[in-house]
Amino acid sequence: MSKPTRGGVPTDRLTRICDAMTFTFNQHPEHQQGDKCMVFLDNGDRGGIVLDGYDDDAEAMTDLLMHLTAIFNANGKRLDLMFMDPDGVTRIDGPVDE
């Protein structure tokens, strides 16, 4: 896996295709103010993603997790998430000061 990058310009073939797809999304006659999209592509070796319409990554991550939960539910499954600190410990009340 290559190192993820963040920027306003597509950096490779997959992100250029994702970018073209978001352009099409924005030009669609039914597109409305406030519509957002995430475009993911993968070729088996690497992936590309472009976020469009999101104010910040946290908003996009929240929407992604909500959609993943819905996909699991639609397939009779349950998605449970557990967030861990870099040291591998899950803390309910936040990280412990060192």
Protein backbone atom coordinates (compact mmCIF):
# COMPACT_ATOMS: atom_id res chain seq x y z
CA MET A 1 0.00 0.00 0.00
CA SER A 2 1.34 3.41 -0.90
CA LYS A 3 1.35 6.29 1.56
CA PRO A 4 -2.01 8.11 1.53
CA THR A 5 -1.85 11.70 0.39
CA ARG A 6 -4.27 14.58 0.73
CA GLY A 7 -4.65 17.46 -1.64
CA GLY A 8 -6.88 19.22 -4.09
CA VAL A 9 -5.31 17.70 -7.19
CA PRO A 10 -5.64 14.06 -8.31
CA THR A 11 -2.27 12.33 -8.04
CA ASP A 12 -2.69 9.15 -10.09
CA ARG A 13 -4.87 7.34 -12.61
CA LEU A 14 -7.47 6.16 -10.07
CA THR A 15 -7.91 9.53 -8.39
CA ARG A 16 -8.17 11.22 -11.80
CA ILE A 17 -11.02 8.85 -12.68
CA CYS A 18 -12.64 9.52 -9.27
CA ASP A 19 -12.32 13.26 -9.91
CA ALA A 20 -14.00 12.93 -13.32
CA MET A 21 -16.85 11.01 -11.68
CA THR A 22 -17.40 13.78 -9.10
CA PHE A 23 -17.44 16.31 -11.96
CA THR A 24 -20.23 14.27 -13.59
CA PHE A 25 -22.05 14.11 -10.24
CA ASN A 26 -21.95 17.91 -9.91
CA GLN A 27 -23.14 18.45 -13.50
CA HIS A 28 -26.11 16.07 -13.21
CA PRO A 29 -29.44 17.85 -13.75
CA GLU A 30 -30.81 16.44 -10.47
CA HIS A 31 -27.81 17.55 -8.38
CA GLN A 32 -28.89 19.86 -5.56
CA GLN A 33 -27.11 22.25 -3.23
CA GLY A 34 -25.76 20.25 -0.28
CA ASP A 35 -25.43 16.93 -2.13
CA LYS A 36 -22.17 15.16 -1.27
CA CYS A 37 -20.39 12.12 -2.63
CA MET A 38 -17.43 9.84 -2.06
CA VAL A 39 -15.95 7.99 -5.01
CA PHE A 40 -13.77 4.95 -4.29
CA LEU A 41 -11.89 2.97 -6.90
CA ASP A 42 -9.58 0.01 -6.43
CA ASN A 43 -7.56 -2.07 -8.87
CA GLY A 44 -6.47 -4.80 -6.48
CA ASP A 45 -3.07 -3.21 -5.84
CA ARG A 46 -4.06 0.29 -4.79
CA GLY A 47 -7.06 2.48 -4.33
CA GLY A 48 -8.21 5.99 -4.97
CA ILE A 49 -10.80 8.16 -3.27
CA VAL A 50 -12.19 11.63 -3.89
CA LEU A 51 -14.54 13.38 -1.46
CA ASP A 52 -16.83 16.05 -2.88
CA GLY A 53 -19.02 18.46 -0.93
CA TYR A 54 -17.66 17.66 2.53
CA ASP A 55 -16.52 20.46 4.82
CA ASP A 56 -14.11 18.18 6.66
CA ASP A 57 -12.91 14.59 6.81
CA ALA A 58 -14.75 13.88 10.08
CA GLU A 59 -18.09 14.55 8.35
CA ALA A 60 -17.12 12.21 5.51
CA MET A 61 -15.99 9.49 7.95
CA THR A 62 -19.29 9.72 9.83
CA ASP A 63 -21.31 9.37 6.62
CA LEU A 64 -19.13 6.45 5.49
CA LEU A 65 -19.67 4.58 8.77
CA MET A 66 -23.42 5.21 8.61
CA HIS A 67 -23.56 3.79 5.07
CA LEU A 68 -21.42 0.78 6.04
CA THR A 69 -23.77 0.11 8.96
CA ALA A 70 -26.75 0.21 6.58
CA ILE A 71 -25.03 -2.21 4.15
CA PHE A 72 -24.35 -4.65 6.99
CA ASN A 73 -27.94 -4.36 8.26
CA ALA A 74 -29.34 -4.94 4.75
CA ASN A 75 -27.36 -8.20 4.68
CA GLY A 76 -28.57 -9.39 8.09
CA LYS A 77 -25.27 -8.50 9.78
CA ARG A 78 -24.27 -6.11 12.52
CA LEU A 79 -21.31 -3.76 12.34
CA ASP A 80 -19.61 -2.94 15.64
CA LEU A 81 -16.86 -0.35 15.77
CA MET A 82 -14.14 0.00 18.36
CA PHE A 83 -11.72 2.89 18.31
CA MET A 84 -8.28 2.36 19.79
CA ASP A 85 -5.50 4.70 20.82
CA PRO A 86 -2.11 4.34 19.09
CA ASP A 87 -0.93 2.14 21.97
CA GLY A 88 -3.65 -0.41 21.13
CA VAL A 89 -5.79 0.30 24.19
CA THR A 90 -9.45 1.21 24.01
CA ARG A 91 -10.33 3.90 26.52
CA ILE A 92 -13.92 4.92 27.09
CA ASP A 93 -13.10 8.23 28.78
CA GLY A 94 -10.27 9.32 26.51
CA PRO A 95 -6.52 8.85 26.47
CA VAL A 96 -4.56 8.71 29.69
CA ASP A 97 -2.12 11.60 30.12
CA GLU A 98 1.45 10.41 30.34
